Amino acid sequence: MSTSPCTSCGACCAFFRVSFFWGECQSSGGTVPDDTVELVTPSLVAMRGTSQPNPRCTKLAGEIGEDVRCTMYEQRSSSCRDFDASWENGEHNPRCDDARAKHGLPPLSPQPVINHIPVLQLRS
């Protein structure tokens, strides 16, 4: 069972334009399926749905703040792989807080440690 707050959040997938170098696409030897992206510049692509005024990645399934999942998790881009939930690795990520706030979710709190196992919590 995952302790990541990302499985009950998804706010970042519906807040940012998820853009990255086109070389990450399958047609260039990468992992991201070509039909999941749209061209931004000659060298930059974005996940479909994230370049809209109200962005939401077309590969995000579920209800933001409830229960979500990436339907192409193993094939996701570096910009997705590199985005950490706030405090996930002991570091604050204000961009995570911004995305959560946009969807009415509270920021995450630092991880308390119970029996030497980090536990993610929401701030009260």
Protein backbone atom coordinates (compact mmCIF):
# COMPACT_ATOMS: atom_id res chain seq x y z
CA MET A 1 0.00 0.00 0.00
CA SER A 2 1.41 3.39 -1.00
CA THR A 3 2.03 6.06 1.62
CA SER A 4 2.48 8.69 -1.06
CA PRO A 5 -0.03 11.54 -0.87
CA CYS A 6 0.03 11.60 -4.67
CA THR A 7 -2.44 8.69 -4.88
CA SER A 8 -5.07 10.84 -3.20
CA CYS A 9 -4.09 14.16 -4.77
CA GLY A 10 -3.32 14.58 -8.48
CA ALA A 11 -3.31 18.39 -8.20
CA CYS A 12 0.01 18.81 -10.02
CA CYS A 13 -1.40 16.92 -13.03
CA ALA A 14 -4.20 19.47 -13.23
CA PHE A 15 -2.28 22.66 -12.55
CA PHE A 16 0.97 22.79 -14.54
CA ARG A 17 1.82 22.47 -18.21
CA VAL A 18 3.77 19.23 -18.21
CA SER A 19 6.39 19.95 -20.86
CA PHE A 20 9.63 18.17 -21.71
CA PHE A 21 12.13 17.50 -24.53
CA TRP A 22 10.57 15.63 -27.46
CA GLY A 23 13.40 13.07 -27.28
CA GLU A 24 11.53 11.41 -24.41
CA CYS A 25 8.82 10.29 -26.86
CA GLN A 26 8.73 6.67 -28.06
CA SER A 27 9.37 7.66 -31.68
CA SER A 28 12.71 9.07 -30.52
CA GLY A 29 13.62 6.07 -28.36
CA GLY A 30 12.02 7.36 -25.14
CA THR A 31 9.17 6.00 -23.05
CA VAL A 32 6.37 8.55 -23.51
CA PRO A 33 3.79 7.43 -26.09
CA ASP A 34 3.65 9.90 -29.00
CA ASP A 35 -0.14 10.07 -28.96
CA THR A 36 -0.13 11.42 -25.38
CA VAL A 37 1.72 14.64 -26.23
CA GLU A 38 1.21 17.83 -28.21
CA LEU A 39 3.89 19.99 -29.80
CA VAL A 40 4.83 23.20 -27.94
CA THR A 41 7.98 24.19 -29.88
CA PRO A 42 10.14 22.30 -32.38
CA SER A 43 12.02 20.69 -29.45
CA LEU A 44 9.42 20.75 -26.67
CA VAL A 45 6.22 18.74 -26.16
CA ALA A 46 3.61 18.76 -23.41
CA MET A 47 1.26 16.13 -22.07
CA ARG A 48 -2.12 16.45 -23.78
CA GLY A 49 -4.53 18.55 -21.76
CA THR A 50 -1.89 20.41 -19.77
CA SER A 51 -1.51 23.38 -22.15
CA GLN A 52 -5.14 24.40 -21.66
CA PRO A 53 -6.35 27.39 -19.60
CA ASN A 54 -7.66 24.84 -17.05
CA PRO A 55 -5.01 22.15 -17.40
CA ARG A 56 -5.55 18.49 -16.66
CA CYS A 57 -3.39 15.73 -18.06
CA THR A 58 -5.48 13.38 -20.16
CA LYS A 59 -3.68 10.45 -18.54
CA LEU A 60 -4.83 11.34 -15.02
CA ALA A 61 -7.70 9.11 -13.91
CA GLY A 62 -9.88 9.73 -10.89
CA GLU A 63 -11.04 12.59 -8.73
CA ILE A 64 -8.44 15.17 -7.65
CA GLY A 65 -8.06 15.16 -3.89
CA GLU A 66 -9.83 11.80 -3.60
CA ASP A 67 -8.33 8.87 -5.47
CA VAL A 68 -6.19 9.34 -8.58
CA ARG A 69 -3.68 7.49 -10.70
CA CYS A 70 -1.54 8.06 -13.74
CA THR A 71 -2.68 5.65 -16.45
CA MET A 72 0.81 5.61 -17.98
CA TYR A 73 2.89 5.79 -14.80
CA GLU A 74 5.77 3.60 -16.00
CA GLN A 75 5.99 5.61 -19.24
CA ARG A 76 5.72 9.09 -17.68
CA SER A 77 8.12 11.88 -18.61
CA SER A 78 11.10 13.16 -16.65
CA SER A 79 9.12 16.25 -15.62
CA CYS A 80 6.62 13.94 -13.90
CA ARG A 81 9.31 11.68 -12.45
CA ASP A 82 11.20 14.66 -11.06
CA PHE A 83 8.21 16.30 -9.36
CA ASP A 84 8.09 15.36 -5.69
CA ALA A 85 5.25 15.91 -3.27
CA SER A 86 6.16 18.45 -0.64
CA TRP A 87 8.21 16.79 2.13
CA GLU A 88 8.27 13.45 0.26
CA ASN A 89 12.05 13.39 0.46
CA GLY A 90 12.33 15.68 3.46
CA GLU A 91 12.22 18.84 1.32
CA HIS A 92 9.49 21.41 0.97
CA ASN A 93 8.12 21.83 -2.57
CA PRO A 94 6.17 25.11 -2.80
CA ARG A 95 5.03 24.17 -6.32
CA CYS A 96 3.19 21.19 -4.79
CA ASP A 97 1.56 23.55 -2.28
CA ASP A 98 0.48 25.88 -5.12
CA ALA A 99 -1.11 23.04 -7.09
CA ARG A 100 -2.91 21.70 -4.02
CA ALA A 101 -4.19 25.18 -3.08
CA LYS A 102 -5.67 25.62 -6.57
CA HIS A 103 -7.82 22.57 -5.91
CA GLY A 104 -8.76 23.51 -2.35
CA LEU A 105 -6.38 21.04 -0.74
CA PRO A 106 -4.24 21.94 2.28
CA PRO A 107 -0.44 21.91 1.98
CA LEU A 108 1.38 18.80 3.13
CA SER A 109 3.29 18.75 6.42
CA PRO A 110 6.76 17.43 7.12
CA GLN A 111 6.86 13.71 7.79
CA PRO A 112 6.66 12.60 11.40
CA VAL A 113 8.58 9.41 12.10
CA ILE A 114 6.83 6.50 13.80
CA ASN A 115 8.93 3.42 14.57
CA HIS A 116 11.64 4.74 12.21
CA ILE A 117 9.15 4.82 9.30
CA PRO A 118 8.33 8.25 7.79
CA VAL A 119 4.60 8.99 7.60
CA LEU A 120 3.21 11.72 5.35
CA GLN A 121 0.54 13.95 6.87
CA LEU A 122 -1.59 16.91 5.91
CA ARG A 123 -1.11 20.19 7.78
CA SER A 124 -3.99 21.04 10.05
